Amino acid sequence: MALYALRRLGTGLVLAVLVTLIVYLLLSVSFDSIVHGIVGPAASPETIAARKADIGMDRPILVQYLDWLAHAARGDFGVSYFTSEPVGHAVSTRLGVTLSIVVVALIITAVVSIALGVLAATHSGATDRIAQGISLTGTLVPNLLLAIVLVFVLAIKLKLLPATGFTPFSEDPGRWAAAITIPVIVLVVHGIANLTAQVRGAMIDELRKDYIRTLRTRGISTRSVVLRHALRNAAGPALTVLSLEFITMLGGAIIIENVFALPGFGSYAFNAALQGDVPIIMGITLFAVMLVVGINLTVDLVNGWLNPKARIH
């Protein structure tokens, strides 16, 4: 398992290099426009050339990328073209805001989806139809529409929660919880829709297998059969969907954080893309890739712990 983890980390590093290289090549097409945005549309050709030389854009593209990669490997991700803020500090600070929302949403999604999926698989009739109805509703309702409705009802009409803004947990846990409640609900609704269906399907398949019937004939309680055996073996596909949902939530953060004016990873990435802030875009890309690699590796290791048959030595 340790060797497998090292191989996956190595694959993740190769993936990070390939993704960041592709992003840099795509950005290079707009370098002239980016420099014009930095110095202003009225700048002279000499001023533009001087600025390009100052930030290293006068060199060959591959040389520029390798220079960025060498600095990134040492933890130096450069500074923003527009604010001169160090990229590593800027991204890590805002990533904390995003993760505080996504992680809470992911935990709630996992708990609720597992409960609904197990109930739906073990109780036919009304319980199953309700669980499937919740899953279908979450799939059909767009995140942006749900966010607008929740803001209108909970923030504007009832005045129970703030419509925008963010308070760090360290400053005021109560205000932090209030600030992330609506964004978390928006992410959770869609997440539950996907994961509940997966848990239900995997549990139904597992409960139909021969070893489950054997366990029942031996007098083992239904609760033990369902939770200790069937659920454990059905966890693999559910964990895979959960990891994909984590990635989806990170992507959804771009919309959610802009709607609720949250100073997070997603809104920062959106603004950097609009400005053409290359160091910020590259830093965000690298952080995002490593997050995806980390969550996938974690899911594989947890799946191996839950299911010995899935362990890779």
C-alpha atoms as a PDB file:
ATOM      1  CA  MET A   1       0.000   0.000   0.000  1.00  0.00           C
ATOM      2  CA  ALA A   2       2.847   2.389   0.796  1.00  0.00           C
ATOM      3  CA  LEU A   3       4.418   1.739  -2.609  1.00  0.00           C
ATOM      4  CA  TYR A   4       1.035   2.305  -4.250  1.00  0.00           C
ATOM      5  CA  ALA A   5       0.653   5.637  -2.447  1.00  0.00           C
ATOM      6  CA  LEU A   6       4.110   6.738  -3.602  1.00  0.00           C
ATOM      7  CA  ARG A   7       3.291   5.758  -7.188  1.00  0.00           C
ATOM      8  CA  ARG A   8       0.062   7.749  -7.048  1.00  0.00           C
ATOM      9  CA  LEU A   9       1.898  10.767  -5.672  1.00  0.00           C
ATOM     10  CA  GLY A  10       4.409  10.479  -8.500  1.00  0.00           C
ATOM     11  CA  THR A  11       1.575  10.278 -11.020  1.00  0.00           C
ATOM     12  CA  GLY A  12       0.022  13.322  -9.373  1.00  0.00           C
ATOM     13  CA  LEU A  13       3.220  15.319  -9.799  1.00  0.00           C
ATOM     14  CA  VAL A  14       3.398  14.375 -13.482  1.00  0.00           C
ATOM     15  CA  LEU A  15      -0.252  15.371 -13.875  1.00  0.00           C
ATOM     16  CA  ALA A  16       0.418  18.712 -12.187  1.00  0.00           C
ATOM     17  CA  VAL A  17       3.275  19.426 -14.598  1.00  0.00           C
ATOM     18  CA  LEU A  18       1.193  18.513 -17.659  1.00  0.00           C
ATOM     19  CA  VAL A  19      -1.858  20.515 -16.568  1.00  0.00           C
ATOM     20  CA  THR A  20       0.121  23.617 -15.626  1.00  0.00           C
ATOM     21  CA  LEU A  21       2.090  23.396 -18.899  1.00  0.00           C
ATOM     22  CA  ILE A  22      -1.129  23.258 -20.926  1.00  0.00           C
ATOM     23  CA  VAL A  23      -2.609  26.174 -18.981  1.00  0.00           C
ATOM     24  CA  TYR A  24       0.572  28.233 -19.484  1.00  0.00           C
ATOM     25  CA  LEU A  25       0.579  27.534 -23.219  1.00  0.00           C
ATOM     26  CA  LEU A  26      -3.067  28.599 -23.466  1.00  0.00           C
ATOM     27  CA  LEU A  27      -2.361  31.766 -21.510  1.00  0.00           C
ATOM     28  CA  SER A  28       0.630  32.605 -23.702  1.00  0.00           C
ATOM     29  CA  VAL A  29      -1.716  33.296 -26.603  1.00  0.00           C
ATOM     30  CA  SER A  30      -3.035  36.320 -24.671  1.00  0.00           C
ATOM     31  CA  PHE A  31       0.234  37.642 -23.255  1.00  0.00           C
ATOM     32  CA  ASP A  32       0.134  40.793 -25.377  1.00  0.00           C
ATOM     33  CA  SER A  33      -3.411  41.581 -24.211  1.00  0.00           C
ATOM     34  CA  ILE A  34      -2.409  40.886 -20.610  1.00  0.00           C
ATOM     35  CA  VAL A  35       0.504  43.333 -20.790  1.00  0.00           C
ATOM     36  CA  HIS A  36      -1.777  45.972 -22.353  1.00  0.00           C
ATOM     37  CA  GLY A  37      -4.128  45.460 -19.412  1.00  0.00           C
ATOM     38  CA  ILE A  38      -1.266  46.006 -16.951  1.00  0.00           C
ATOM     39  CA  VAL A  39       0.218  49.160 -18.465  1.00  0.00           C
ATOM     40  CA  GLY A  40      -2.995  50.619 -19.879  1.00  0.00           C
ATOM     41  CA  PRO A  41      -4.305  50.990 -23.450  1.00  0.00           C
ATOM     42  CA  ALA A  42      -2.518  54.342 -23.990  1.00  0.00           C
ATOM     43  CA  ALA A  43       0.952  52.971 -23.226  1.00  0.00           C
ATOM     44  CA  SER A  44       3.664  53.363 -25.845  1.00  0.00           C
ATOM     45  CA  PRO A  45       5.306  50.366 -27.546  1.00  0.00           C
ATOM     46  CA  GLU A  46       8.487  51.077 -25.571  1.00  0.00           C
ATOM     47  CA  THR A  47       6.582  50.956 -22.278  1.00  0.00           C
ATOM     48  CA  ILE A  48       4.905  47.692 -23.303  1.00  0.00           C
ATOM     49  CA  ALA A  49       8.235  46.148 -24.300  1.00  0.00           C
ATOM     50  CA  ALA A  50       9.832  47.263 -21.031  1.00  0.00           C
ATOM     51  CA  ARG A  51       7.006  45.756 -18.985  1.00  0.00           C
ATOM     52  CA  LYS A  52       7.185  42.468 -20.889  1.00  0.00           C
ATOM     53  CA  ALA A  53      10.915  42.304 -20.185  1.00  0.00           C
ATOM     54  CA  ASP A  54      10.308  43.176 -16.534  1.00  0.00           C
ATOM     55  CA  ILE A  55       7.959  40.221 -15.993  1.00  0.00           C
ATOM     56  CA  GLY A  56       9.921  37.874 -18.252  1.00  0.00           C
ATOM     57  CA  MET A  57       7.451  37.636 -21.125  1.00  0.00           C
ATOM     58  CA  ASP A  58      10.126  38.521 -23.687  1.00  0.00           C
ATOM     59  CA  ARG A  59      11.677  35.054 -23.374  1.00  0.00           C
ATOM     60  CA  PRO A  60      10.635  31.843 -25.193  1.00  0.00           C
ATOM     61  CA  ILE A  61       7.432  30.330 -23.776  1.00  0.00           C
ATOM     62  CA  LEU A  62       9.041  27.054 -22.683  1.00  0.00           C
ATOM     63  CA  VAL A  63      11.821  28.916 -20.895  1.00  0.00           C
ATOM     64  CA  GLN A  64       9.219  31.021 -19.082  1.00  0.00           C
ATOM     65  CA  TYR A  65       7.313  27.923 -17.997  1.00  0.00           C
ATOM     66  CA  LEU A  66      10.390  26.029 -16.812  1.00  0.00           C
ATOM     67  CA  ASP A  67      11.454  29.076 -14.819  1.00  0.00           C
ATOM     68  CA  TRP A  68       8.012  29.237 -13.179  1.00  0.00           C
ATOM     69  CA  LEU A  69       8.107  25.485 -12.480  1.00  0.00           C
ATOM     70  CA  ALA A  70      11.567  25.688 -10.887  1.00  0.00           C
ATOM     71  CA  HIS A  71      10.429  28.488  -8.587  1.00  0.00           C
ATOM     72  CA  ALA A  72       7.136  26.695  -7.786  1.00  0.00           C
ATOM     73  CA  ALA A  73       9.056  23.569  -6.783  1.00  0.00           C
ATOM     74  CA  ARG A  74      10.799  25.720  -4.146  1.00  0.00           C
ATOM     75  CA  GLY A  75       7.501  27.158  -2.933  1.00  0.00           C
ATOM     76  CA  ASP A  76       7.875  30.460  -4.767  1.00  0.00           C
ATOM     77  CA  PHE A  77       4.781  31.009  -6.929  1.00  0.00           C
ATOM     78  CA  GLY A  78       5.545  34.624  -7.824  1.00  0.00           C
ATOM     79  CA  VAL A  79       3.461  37.723  -7.151  1.00  0.00           C
ATOM     80  CA  SER A  80       0.285  39.106  -8.655  1.00  0.00           C
ATOM     81  CA  TYR A  81       0.785  41.382 -11.654  1.00  0.00           C
ATOM     82  CA  PHE A  82      -1.849  43.781 -10.354  1.00  0.00           C
ATOM     83  CA  THR A  83      -1.545  43.768  -6.551  1.00  0.00           C
ATOM     84  CA  SER A  84       2.036  42.476  -6.016  1.00  0.00           C
ATOM     85  CA  GLU A  85       0.607  40.095  -3.402  1.00  0.00           C
ATOM     86  CA  PRO A  86       2.577  36.820  -3.062  1.00  0.00           C
ATOM     87  CA  VAL A  87       0.613  34.114  -4.863  1.00  0.00           C
ATOM     88  CA  GLY A  88       1.250  31.377  -2.286  1.00  0.00           C
ATOM     89  CA  HIS A  89      -0.106  33.489   0.573  1.00  0.00           C
ATOM     90  CA  ALA A  90      -3.034  34.801  -1.454  1.00  0.00           C
ATOM     91  CA  VAL A  91      -4.171  31.394  -2.687  1.00  0.00           C
ATOM     92  CA  SER A  92      -3.666  29.533   0.605  1.00  0.00           C
ATOM     93  CA  THR A  93      -5.600  32.187   2.537  1.00  0.00           C
ATOM     94  CA  ARG A  94      -8.535  32.118   0.168  1.00  0.00           C
ATOM     95  CA  LEU A  95      -8.409  28.338  -0.127  1.00  0.00           C
ATOM     96  CA  GLY A  96      -9.139  28.152   3.592  1.00  0.00           C
ATOM     97  CA  VAL A  97     -12.417  30.019   3.031  1.00  0.00           C
ATOM     98  CA  THR A  98     -13.444  27.676   0.230  1.00  0.00           C
ATOM     99  CA  LEU A  99     -12.488  24.512   2.102  1.00  0.00           C
ATOM    100  CA  SER A 100     -14.409  25.643   5.188  1.00  0.00           C
ATOM    101  CA  ILE A 101     -17.528  25.630   2.997  1.00  0.00           C
ATOM    102  CA  VAL A 102     -16.773  22.579   0.857  1.00  0.00           C
ATOM    103  CA  VAL A 103     -15.639  20.312   3.711  1.00  0.00           C
ATOM    104  CA  VAL A 104     -18.722  21.100   5.821  1.00  0.00           C
ATOM    105  CA  ALA A 105     -20.938  20.519   2.777  1.00  0.00           C
ATOM    106  CA  LEU A 106     -19.145  17.259   1.990  1.00  0.00           C
ATOM    107  CA  ILE A 107     -19.546  15.899   5.536  1.00  0.00           C
ATOM    108  CA  ILE A 108     -23.259  16.731   5.594  1.00  0.00           C
ATOM    109  CA  THR A 109     -23.672  15.250   2.121  1.00  0.00           C
ATOM    110  CA  ALA A 110     -21.976  12.000   3.155  1.00  0.00           C
ATOM    111  CA  VAL A 111     -23.976  11.575   6.382  1.00  0.00           C
ATOM    112  CA  VAL A 112     -27.379  12.405   4.886  1.00  0.00           C
ATOM    113  CA  SER A 113     -26.796  10.464   1.655  1.00  0.00           C
ATOM    114  CA  ILE A 114     -25.651   7.316   3.447  1.00  0.00           C
ATOM    115  CA  ALA A 115     -28.668   7.457   5.771  1.00  0.00           C
ATOM    116  CA  LEU A 116     -31.125   8.034   2.909  1.00  0.00           C
ATOM    117  CA  GLY A 117     -29.453   5.486   0.642  1.00  0.00           C
ATOM    118  CA  VAL A 118     -29.455   2.750   3.286  1.00  0.00           C
ATOM    119  CA  LEU A 119     -33.078   3.469   4.245  1.00  0.00           C
ATOM    120  CA  ALA A 120     -34.151   3.424   0.601  1.00  0.00           C
ATOM    121  CA  ALA A 121     -32.363   0.132  -0.033  1.00  0.00           C
ATOM    122  CA  THR A 122     -33.716  -1.619   3.055  1.00  0.00           C
ATOM    123  CA  HIS A 123     -37.263  -0.190   3.117  1.00  0.00           C
ATOM    124  CA  SER A 124     -39.309  -0.451  -0.040  1.00  0.00           C
ATOM    125  CA  GLY A 125     -42.437   1.588  -0.575  1.00  0.00           C
ATOM    126  CA  ALA A 126     -42.900   5.132   0.725  1.00  0.00           C
ATOM    127  CA  THR A 127     -39.390   5.455   2.228  1.00  0.00           C
ATOM    128  CA  ASP A 128     -37.747   4.439  -1.024  1.00  0.00           C
ATOM    129  CA  ARG A 129     -39.947   6.765  -3.080  1.00  0.00           C
ATOM    130  CA  ILE A 130     -39.219   9.704  -0.764  1.00  0.00           C
ATOM    131  CA  ALA A 131     -35.458   9.112  -0.988  1.00  0.00           C
ATOM    132  CA  GLN A 132     -35.617   8.871  -4.776  1.00  0.00           C
ATOM    133  CA  GLY A 133     -37.792  11.998  -4.892  1.00  0.00           C
ATOM    134  CA  ILE A 134     -35.223  13.951  -2.863  1.00  0.00           C
ATOM    135  CA  SER A 135     -32.467  12.716  -5.156  1.00  0.00           C
ATOM    136  CA  LEU A 136     -34.381  13.653  -8.310  1.00  0.00           C
ATOM    137  CA  THR A 137     -35.303  17.108  -6.976  1.00  0.00           C
ATOM    138  CA  GLY A 138     -31.709  17.904  -6.120  1.00  0.00           C
ATOM    139  CA  THR A 139     -30.625  16.892  -9.610  1.00  0.00           C
ATOM    140  CA  LEU A 140     -33.222  19.043 -11.377  1.00  0.00           C
ATOM    141  CA  VAL A 141     -32.813  22.282  -9.388  1.00  0.00           C
ATOM    142  CA  PRO A 142     -29.924  24.467 -10.706  1.00  0.00           C
ATOM    143  CA  ASN A 143     -27.490  25.667  -8.038  1.00  0.00           C
ATOM    144  CA  LEU A 144     -27.786  29.315  -9.062  1.00  0.00           C
ATOM    145  CA  LEU A 145     -31.579  29.270  -8.919  1.00  0.00           C
ATOM    146  CA  LEU A 146     -31.536  27.567  -5.515  1.00  0.00           C
ATOM    147  CA  ALA A 147     -29.044  30.137  -4.219  1.00  0.00           C
ATOM    148  CA  ILE A 148     -31.237  33.046  -5.349  1.00  0.00           C
ATOM    149  CA  VAL A 149     -34.359  31.525  -3.781  1.00  0.00           C
ATOM    150  CA  LEU A 150     -32.618  30.823  -0.474  1.00  0.00           C
ATOM    151  CA  VAL A 151     -31.181  34.343  -0.308  1.00  0.00           C
ATOM    152  CA  PHE A 152     -34.600  35.846  -1.007  1.00  0.00           C
ATOM    153  CA  VAL A 153     -36.393  33.706   1.593  1.00  0.00           C
ATOM    154  CA  LEU A 154     -33.829  33.277   4.389  1.00  0.00           C
ATOM    155  CA  ALA A 155     -31.863  36.509   4.082  1.00  0.00           C
ATOM    156  CA  ILE A 156     -34.192  39.148   2.631  1.00  0.00           C
ATOM    157  CA  LYS A 157     -37.672  38.085   3.772  1.00  0.00           C
ATOM    158  CA  LEU A 158     -37.036  36.265   7.055  1.00  0.00           C
ATOM    159  CA  LYS A 159     -33.714  37.997   7.849  1.00  0.00           C
ATOM    160  CA  LEU A 160     -32.414  34.844   9.481  1.00  0.00           C
ATOM    161  CA  LEU A 161     -29.068  34.715   7.699  1.00  0.00           C
ATOM    162  CA  PRO A 162     -26.700  37.170   5.988  1.00  0.00           C
ATOM    163  CA  ALA A 163     -27.000  37.362   2.211  1.00  0.00           C
ATOM    164  CA  THR A 164     -23.302  38.078   1.614  1.00  0.00           C
ATOM    165  CA  GLY A 165     -19.977  38.284   3.420  1.00  0.00           C
ATOM    166  CA  PHE A 166     -17.771  35.964   5.422  1.00  0.00           C
ATOM    167  CA  THR A 167     -16.482  35.882   8.989  1.00  0.00           C
ATOM    168  CA  PRO A 168     -13.523  33.593   9.828  1.00  0.00           C
ATOM    169  CA  PHE A 169     -14.240  30.853  12.350  1.00  0.00           C
ATOM    170  CA  SER A 170     -11.410  32.099  14.569  1.00  0.00           C
ATOM    171  CA  GLU A 171     -13.071  35.496  14.923  1.00  0.00           C
ATOM    172  CA  ASP A 172     -16.671  34.446  15.598  1.00  0.00           C
ATOM    173  CA  PRO A 173     -17.849  30.815  15.185  1.00  0.00           C
ATOM    174  CA  GLY A 174     -21.513  31.857  15.264  1.00  0.00           C
ATOM    175  CA  ARG A 175     -21.191  34.441  12.510  1.00  0.00           C
ATOM    176  CA  TRP A 176     -19.005  32.044  10.527  1.00  0.00           C
ATOM    177  CA  ALA A 177     -21.727  29.381  10.687  1.00  0.00           C
ATOM    178  CA  ALA A 178     -24.378  31.903   9.662  1.00  0.00           C
ATOM    179  CA  ALA A 179     -22.268  33.125   6.724  1.00  0.00           C
ATOM    180  CA  ILE A 180     -21.703  29.659   5.251  1.00  0.00           C
ATOM    181  CA  THR A 181     -25.176  28.194   5.885  1.00  0.00           C
ATOM    182  CA  ILE A 182     -26.813  29.166   2.580  1.00  0.00           C
ATOM    183  CA  PRO A 183     -23.744  28.307   0.427  1.00  0.00           C
ATOM    184  CA  VAL A 184     -23.485  24.942   2.194  1.00  0.00           C
ATOM    185  CA  ILE A 185     -27.174  24.193   1.622  1.00  0.00           C
ATOM    186  CA  VAL A 186     -26.779  24.938  -2.086  1.00  0.00           C
ATOM    187  CA  LEU A 187     -23.831  22.555  -2.390  1.00  0.00           C
ATOM    188  CA  VAL A 188     -25.411  19.877  -0.198  1.00  0.00           C
ATOM    189  CA  VAL A 189     -28.667  19.647  -2.175  1.00  0.00           C
ATOM    190  CA  HIS A 190     -26.878  18.743  -5.381  1.00  0.00           C
ATOM    191  CA  GLY A 191     -24.399  16.492  -3.590  1.00  0.00           C
ATOM    192  CA  ILE A 192     -27.124  14.496  -1.835  1.00  0.00           C
ATOM    193  CA  ALA A 193     -28.906  13.993  -5.150  1.00  0.00           C
ATOM    194  CA  ASN A 194     -25.867  12.282  -6.672  1.00  0.00           C
ATOM    195  CA  LEU A 195     -24.602  10.323  -3.680  1.00  0.00           C
ATOM    196  CA  THR A 196     -27.960   9.029  -2.395  1.00  0.00           C
ATOM    197  CA  ALA A 197     -28.688   7.331  -5.708  1.00  0.00           C
ATOM    198  CA  GLN A 198     -25.238   5.740  -5.703  1.00  0.00           C
ATOM    199  CA  VAL A 199     -25.510   4.456  -2.116  1.00  0.00           C
ATOM    200  CA  ARG A 200     -29.006   3.100  -2.752  1.00  0.00           C
ATOM    201  CA  GLY A 201     -27.967   1.249  -5.908  1.00  0.00           C
ATOM    202  CA  ALA A 202     -24.792  -0.178  -4.365  1.00  0.00           C
ATOM    203  CA  MET A 203     -26.653  -1.314  -1.233  1.00  0.00           C
ATOM    204  CA  ILE A 204     -29.412  -3.014  -3.229  1.00  0.00           C
ATOM    205  CA  ASP A 205     -26.812  -4.910  -5.269  1.00  0.00           C
ATOM    206  CA  GLU A 206     -24.924  -5.895  -2.125  1.00  0.00           C
ATOM    207  CA  LEU A 207     -28.013  -7.054  -0.219  1.00  0.00           C
ATOM    208  CA  ARG A 208     -28.898  -9.438  -3.066  1.00  0.00           C
ATOM    209  CA  LYS A 209     -25.598 -11.311  -2.878  1.00  0.00           C
ATOM    210  CA  ASP A 210     -25.275 -14.858  -1.556  1.00  0.00           C
ATOM    211  CA  TYR A 211     -23.087 -14.013   1.442  1.00  0.00           C
ATOM    212  CA  ILE A 212     -25.824 -11.710   2.783  1.00  0.00           C
ATOM    213  CA  ARG A 213     -28.347 -14.547   2.668  1.00  0.00           C
ATOM    214  CA  THR A 214     -25.819 -16.780   4.404  1.00  0.00           C
ATOM    215  CA  LEU A 215     -25.335 -14.237   7.177  1.00  0.00           C
ATOM    216  CA  ARG A 216     -29.097 -13.950   7.657  1.00  0.00           C
ATOM    217  CA  THR A 217     -29.525 -17.725   7.936  1.00  0.00           C
ATOM    218  CA  ARG A 218     -26.896 -17.791  10.680  1.00  0.00           C
ATOM    219  CA  GLY A 219     -29.065 -15.544  12.818  1.00  0.00           C
ATOM    220  CA  ILE A 220     -26.965 -12.401  12.545  1.00  0.00           C
ATOM    221  CA  SER A 221     -29.086  -9.324  13.202  1.00  0.00           C
ATOM    222  CA  THR A 222     -30.351  -7.263  10.284  1.00  0.00           C
ATOM    223  CA  ARG A 223     -28.616  -4.181  11.634  1.00  0.00           C
ATOM    224  CA  SER A 224     -25.258  -5.955  11.721  1.00  0.00           C
ATOM    225  CA  VAL A 225     -25.758  -7.419   8.246  1.00  0.00           C
ATOM    226  CA  VAL A 226     -26.638  -4.032   6.778  1.00  0.00           C
ATOM    227  CA  LEU A 227     -24.142  -1.789   8.567  1.00  0.00           C
ATOM    228  CA  ARG A 228     -21.144  -4.028   9.219  1.00  0.00           C
ATOM    229  CA  HIS A 229     -21.150  -6.089   6.042  1.00  0.00           C
ATOM    230  CA  ALA A 230     -23.300  -4.729   3.205  1.00  0.00           C
ATOM    231  CA  LEU A 231     -22.545  -1.045   3.786  1.00  0.00           C
ATOM    232  CA  ARG A 232     -18.846  -1.655   4.185  1.00  0.00           C
ATOM    233  CA  ASN A 233     -18.652  -3.538   0.879  1.00  0.00           C
ATOM    234  CA  ALA A 234     -20.849  -0.969  -0.871  1.00  0.00           C
ATOM    235  CA  ALA A 235     -18.707   1.919   0.314  1.00  0.00           C
ATOM    236  CA  GLY A 236     -16.232   1.714  -2.583  1.00  0.00           C
ATOM    237  CA  PRO A 237     -18.471   3.116  -5.342  1.00  0.00           C
ATOM    238  CA  ALA A 238     -19.961   5.655  -2.912  1.00  0.00           C
ATOM    239  CA  LEU A 239     -16.507   6.910  -1.942  1.00  0.00           C
ATOM    240  CA  THR A 240     -15.625   7.338  -5.602  1.00  0.00           C
ATOM    241  CA  VAL A 241     -18.750   9.431  -6.166  1.00  0.00           C
ATOM    242  CA  LEU A 242     -17.962  11.403  -2.992  1.00  0.00           C
ATOM    243  CA  SER A 243     -14.495  12.248  -4.297  1.00  0.00           C
ATOM    244  CA  LEU A 244     -16.013  13.396  -7.586  1.00  0.00           C
ATOM    245  CA  GLU A 245     -18.516  15.456  -5.633  1.00  0.00           C
ATOM    246  CA  PHE A 246     -15.670  17.151  -3.796  1.00  0.00           C
ATOM    247  CA  ILE A 247     -14.196  18.180  -7.143  1.00  0.00           C
ATOM    248  CA  THR A 248     -17.619  19.324  -8.350  1.00  0.00           C
ATOM    249  CA  MET A 249     -18.075  21.430  -5.222  1.00  0.00           C
ATOM    250  CA  LEU A 250     -14.707  23.080  -5.765  1.00  0.00           C
ATOM    251  CA  GLY A 251     -15.812  23.982  -9.274  1.00  0.00           C
ATOM    252  CA  GLY A 252     -19.193  25.163  -8.015  1.00  0.00           C
ATOM    253  CA  ALA A 253     -17.419  27.438  -5.567  1.00  0.00           C
ATOM    254  CA  ILE A 254     -16.674  29.821  -8.458  1.00  0.00           C
ATOM    255  CA  ILE A 255     -20.391  30.545  -8.840  1.00  0.00           C
ATOM    256  CA  ILE A 256     -21.335  30.276  -5.166  1.00  0.00           C
ATOM    257  CA  GLU A 257     -18.579  32.584  -3.914  1.00  0.00           C
ATOM    258  CA  ASN A 258     -19.385  35.231  -6.505  1.00  0.00           C
ATOM    259  CA  VAL A 259     -23.093  35.095  -5.646  1.00  0.00           C
ATOM    260  CA  PHE A 260     -22.463  35.452  -1.905  1.00  0.00           C
ATOM    261  CA  ALA A 261     -19.419  37.755  -2.136  1.00  0.00           C
ATOM    262  CA  LEU A 262     -17.182  35.269  -0.325  1.00  0.00           C
ATOM    263  CA  PRO A 263     -13.407  35.907  -0.414  1.00  0.00           C
ATOM    264  CA  GLY A 264     -12.617  32.344  -1.402  1.00  0.00           C
ATOM    265  CA  PHE A 265     -10.647  30.287  -3.899  1.00  0.00           C
ATOM    266  CA  GLY A 266     -13.363  30.278  -6.558  1.00  0.00           C
ATOM    267  CA  SER A 267     -14.072  34.006  -6.676  1.00  0.00           C
ATOM    268  CA  TYR A 268     -10.334  34.727  -6.640  1.00  0.00           C
ATOM    269  CA  ALA A 269      -9.806  32.392  -9.595  1.00  0.00           C
ATOM    270  CA  PHE A 270     -12.664  34.053 -11.482  1.00  0.00           C
ATOM    271  CA  ASN A 271     -11.273  37.558 -10.957  1.00  0.00           C
ATOM    272  CA  ALA A 272      -7.739  36.466 -11.856  1.00  0.00           C
ATOM    273  CA  ALA A 273      -9.013  34.936 -15.101  1.00  0.00           C
ATOM    274  CA  LEU A 274     -10.825  38.159 -16.001  1.00  0.00           C
ATOM    275  CA  GLN A 275      -7.673  40.212 -15.426  1.00  0.00           C
ATOM    276  CA  GLY A 276      -5.263  37.753 -16.987  1.00  0.00           C
ATOM    277  CA  ASP A 277      -3.183  37.614 -13.807  1.00  0.00           C
ATOM    278  CA  VAL A 278      -0.872  34.802 -14.932  1.00  0.00           C
ATOM    279  CA  PRO A 279       0.947  34.086 -11.611  1.00  0.00           C
ATOM    280  CA  ILE A 280      -2.393  33.844  -9.779  1.00  0.00           C
ATOM    281  CA  ILE A 281      -3.929  31.597 -12.452  1.00  0.00           C
ATOM    282  CA  MET A 282      -0.906  29.289 -12.432  1.00  0.00           C
ATOM    283  CA  GLY A 283      -0.863  29.100  -8.630  1.00  0.00           C
ATOM    284  CA  ILE A 284      -4.569  28.332  -8.492  1.00  0.00           C
ATOM    285  CA  THR A 285      -4.190  25.653 -11.162  1.00  0.00           C
ATOM    286  CA  LEU A 286      -1.368  23.938  -9.284  1.00  0.00           C
ATOM    287  CA  PHE A 287      -3.196  24.072  -5.939  1.00  0.00           C
ATOM    288  CA  ALA A 288      -6.380  22.697  -7.537  1.00  0.00           C
ATOM    289  CA  VAL A 289      -4.576  19.799  -9.233  1.00  0.00           C
ATOM    290  CA  MET A 290      -2.806  18.786  -6.032  1.00  0.00           C
ATOM    291  CA  LEU A 291      -6.089  18.966  -4.125  1.00  0.00           C
ATOM    292  CA  VAL A 292      -7.694  16.608  -6.632  1.00  0.00           C
ATOM    293  CA  VAL A 293      -4.733  14.227  -6.466  1.00  0.00           C
ATOM    294  CA  GLY A 294      -4.795  14.302  -2.668  1.00  0.00           C
ATOM    295  CA  ILE A 295      -8.512  13.593  -2.368  1.00  0.00           C
ATOM    296  CA  ASN A 296      -8.339  10.740  -4.885  1.00  0.00           C
ATOM    297  CA  LEU A 297      -5.405   9.164  -3.067  1.00  0.00           C
ATOM    298  CA  THR A 298      -7.216   9.489   0.258  1.00  0.00           C
ATOM    299  CA  VAL A 299     -10.331   7.807  -1.167  1.00  0.00           C
ATOM    300  CA  ASP A 300      -8.256   4.927  -2.561  1.00  0.00           C
ATOM    301  CA  LEU A 301      -6.539   4.377   0.794  1.00  0.00           C
ATOM    302  CA  VAL A 302      -9.823   4.525   2.746  1.00  0.00           C
ATOM    303  CA  ASN A 303     -11.429   2.131   0.281  1.00  0.00           C
ATOM    304  CA  GLY A 304      -8.549  -0.278   0.769  1.00  0.00           C
ATOM    305  CA  TRP A 305      -8.994  -0.083   4.537  1.00  0.00           C
ATOM    306  CA  LEU A 306     -12.756  -0.697   4.305  1.00  0.00           C
ATOM    307  CA  ASN A 307     -12.524  -3.479   1.768  1.00  0.00           C
ATOM    308  CA  PRO A 308      -9.467  -5.790   2.034  1.00  0.00           C
ATOM    309  CA  LYS A 309     -10.186  -7.156  -1.452  1.00  0.00           C
ATOM    310  CA  ALA A 310      -9.536  -3.681  -2.881  1.00  0.00           C
ATOM    311  CA  ARG A 311      -6.155  -3.275  -1.196  1.00  0.00           C
ATOM    312  CA  ILE A 312      -3.169  -2.868  -3.445  1.00  0.00           C
ATOM    313  CA  HIS A 313       0.174  -4.084  -2.081  1.00  0.00           C
END
